[in-house]
Amino acid sequence: MTDAVGSSRDRACSSVKLAHQRCPDAANRDVRPGFHQIKTVAHLDTDSPPDDVEAMVGFVQTHCLVEDTVAVGTTLNPPTVLVNG
C-alpha cells in the first residue's frame, strides 16, 4: 500500500469515522443558517505508529478541498437554472 505522503507502508487504516454535530439553534430563525464552527473528530482503527498517523492527518489537512474552501474563501456565483420543457 502507498500512503498519502507517497511512501510504501505495510500498515493500513481499517476504518475512519468522521462525525459532526448540528447547531442546537438551527431551528431559531434569528440565527444564520450557515455553520458557525466546523470541528472534525477522526476515529482511526489502525496499528500504525503515531508518527505515521500524524503525517497522514497533516497531509489530509493540507490537501482537503473543504478545509481550503472554508479557510480561504471562494467566490460563489449565482446558480445557473436550466428548465427543460
C-alpha atoms as a PDB file:
ATOM      1  CA  MET A   1       0.000   0.000   0.000  1.00  0.00           C
ATOM      2  CA  THR A   2       1.175   3.550  -0.668  1.00  0.00           C
ATOM      3  CA  ASP A   3       0.158   6.078   1.930  1.00  0.00           C
ATOM      4  CA  ALA A   4      -0.888   9.702   1.493  1.00  0.00           C
ATOM      5  CA  VAL A   5       2.663  11.017   1.708  1.00  0.00           C
ATOM      6  CA  GLY A   6       3.869   8.651  -1.011  1.00  0.00           C
ATOM      7  CA  SER A   7       5.946   6.104   0.867  1.00  0.00           C
ATOM      8  CA  SER A   8       5.276   2.400   0.964  1.00  0.00           C
ATOM      9  CA  ARG A   9       3.625   1.133   4.146  1.00  0.00           C
ATOM     10  CA  ASP A  10       2.599  -2.319   5.261  1.00  0.00           C
ATOM     11  CA  ARG A  11       0.024  -0.958   7.708  1.00  0.00           C
ATOM     12  CA  ALA A  12      -3.457   0.149   6.826  1.00  0.00           C
ATOM     13  CA  CYS A  13      -6.176   2.121   8.466  1.00  0.00           C
ATOM     14  CA  SER A  14      -9.073  -0.312   8.613  1.00  0.00           C
ATOM     15  CA  SER A  15     -11.726   2.285   9.329  1.00  0.00           C
ATOM     16  CA  VAL A  16     -12.230   6.028   9.593  1.00  0.00           C
ATOM     17  CA  LYS A  17     -15.299   7.576  11.165  1.00  0.00           C
ATOM     18  CA  LEU A  18     -15.977  11.304  10.907  1.00  0.00           C
ATOM     19  CA  ALA A  19     -18.723  12.948  12.887  1.00  0.00           C
ATOM     20  CA  HIS A  20     -20.339  16.364  13.022  1.00  0.00           C
ATOM     21  CA  GLN A  21     -22.826  17.997  15.342  1.00  0.00           C
ATOM     22  CA  ARG A  22     -25.777  20.124  14.398  1.00  0.00           C
ATOM     23  CA  CYS A  23     -26.033  23.587  15.893  1.00  0.00           C
ATOM     24  CA  PRO A  24     -28.619  23.491  18.700  1.00  0.00           C
ATOM     25  CA  ASP A  25     -30.018  26.853  17.499  1.00  0.00           C
ATOM     26  CA  ALA A  26     -30.602  25.649  13.922  1.00  0.00           C
ATOM     27  CA  ALA A  27     -34.398  25.999  14.272  1.00  0.00           C
ATOM     28  CA  ASN A  28     -34.092  29.599  15.511  1.00  0.00           C
ATOM     29  CA  ARG A  29     -34.891  31.959  12.611  1.00  0.00           C
ATOM     30  CA  ASP A  30     -32.680  34.679  14.133  1.00  0.00           C
ATOM     31  CA  VAL A  31     -29.596  32.503  13.710  1.00  0.00           C
ATOM     32  CA  ARG A  32     -27.993  32.468  10.267  1.00  0.00           C
ATOM     33  CA  PRO A  33     -28.342  29.078   8.524  1.00  0.00           C
ATOM     34  CA  GLY A  34     -24.634  28.530   7.851  1.00  0.00           C
ATOM     35  CA  PHE A  35     -22.115  26.744  10.005  1.00  0.00           C
ATOM     36  CA  HIS A  36     -20.769  28.742  12.945  1.00  0.00           C
ATOM     37  CA  GLN A  37     -17.982  26.276  13.626  1.00  0.00           C
ATOM     38  CA  ILE A  38     -16.701  23.107  12.000  1.00  0.00           C
ATOM     39  CA  LYS A  39     -14.950  20.528  14.140  1.00  0.00           C
ATOM     40  CA  THR A  40     -13.673  17.228  12.816  1.00  0.00           C
ATOM     41  CA  VAL A  41     -13.152  14.201  15.009  1.00  0.00           C
ATOM     42  CA  ALA A  42     -11.477  11.263  13.285  1.00  0.00           C
ATOM     43  CA  HIS A  43     -11.689   7.872  14.980  1.00  0.00           C
ATOM     44  CA  LEU A  44      -8.956   5.731  13.442  1.00  0.00           C
ATOM     45  CA  ASP A  45      -8.716   1.967  13.845  1.00  0.00           C
ATOM     46  CA  THR A  46      -5.077   1.357  12.942  1.00  0.00           C
ATOM     47  CA  ASP A  47      -1.917  -0.265  14.181  1.00  0.00           C
ATOM     48  CA  SER A  48       0.245   2.383  12.507  1.00  0.00           C
ATOM     49  CA  PRO A  49       2.779   4.215  14.664  1.00  0.00           C
ATOM     50  CA  PRO A  50       1.709   7.655  15.952  1.00  0.00           C
ATOM     51  CA  ASP A  51       4.220   9.417  13.670  1.00  0.00           C
ATOM     52  CA  ASP A  52       2.621   7.814  10.597  1.00  0.00           C
ATOM     53  CA  VAL A  53      -0.867   8.795  11.770  1.00  0.00           C
ATOM     54  CA  GLU A  54       0.263  12.390  12.396  1.00  0.00           C
ATOM     55  CA  ALA A  55       1.850  12.519   8.918  1.00  0.00           C
ATOM     56  CA  MET A  56      -1.375  11.257   7.315  1.00  0.00           C
ATOM     57  CA  VAL A  57      -3.531  13.750   9.248  1.00  0.00           C
ATOM     58  CA  GLY A  58      -1.172  16.585   8.288  1.00  0.00           C
ATOM     59  CA  PHE A  59      -1.346  15.572   4.634  1.00  0.00           C
ATOM     60  CA  VAL A  60      -5.149  15.468   4.706  1.00  0.00           C
ATOM     61  CA  GLN A  61      -5.324  18.892   6.367  1.00  0.00           C
ATOM     62  CA  THR A  62      -3.073  20.483   3.735  1.00  0.00           C
ATOM     63  CA  HIS A  63      -4.888  18.839   0.794  1.00  0.00           C
ATOM     64  CA  CYS A  64      -8.515  18.933   1.967  1.00  0.00           C
ATOM     65  CA  LEU A  65     -10.711  20.779  -0.534  1.00  0.00           C
ATOM     66  CA  VAL A  66     -13.380  21.595   2.042  1.00  0.00           C
ATOM     67  CA  GLU A  67     -10.913  22.938   4.619  1.00  0.00           C
ATOM     68  CA  ASP A  68      -9.203  25.097   1.996  1.00  0.00           C
ATOM     69  CA  THR A  69     -12.502  26.440   0.654  1.00  0.00           C
ATOM     70  CA  VAL A  70     -13.762  27.376   4.120  1.00  0.00           C
ATOM     71  CA  ALA A  71     -10.457  28.792   5.380  1.00  0.00           C
ATOM     72  CA  VAL A  72      -9.544  30.829   2.301  1.00  0.00           C
ATOM     73  CA  GLY A  73     -12.972  31.552   0.881  1.00  0.00           C
ATOM     74  CA  THR A  74     -14.235  31.051  -2.629  1.00  0.00           C
ATOM     75  CA  THR A  75     -16.350  33.232  -4.879  1.00  0.00           C
ATOM     76  CA  LEU A  76     -19.856  31.818  -5.012  1.00  0.00           C
ATOM     77  CA  ASN A  77     -21.555  32.598  -8.313  1.00  0.00           C
ATOM     78  CA  PRO A  78     -25.342  32.626  -8.598  1.00  0.00           C
ATOM     79  CA  PRO A  79     -26.722  29.284  -9.779  1.00  0.00           C
ATOM     80  CA  THR A  80     -27.478  28.701 -13.420  1.00  0.00           C
ATOM     81  CA  VAL A  81     -31.034  27.409 -13.702  1.00  0.00           C
ATOM     82  CA  LEU A  82     -31.907  25.247 -16.700  1.00  0.00           C
ATOM     83  CA  VAL A  83     -35.533  24.352 -17.205  1.00  0.00           C
ATOM     84  CA  ASN A  84     -36.496  21.593 -19.623  1.00  0.00           C
ATOM     85  CA  GLY A  85     -39.954  21.716 -21.059  1.00  0.00           C
END
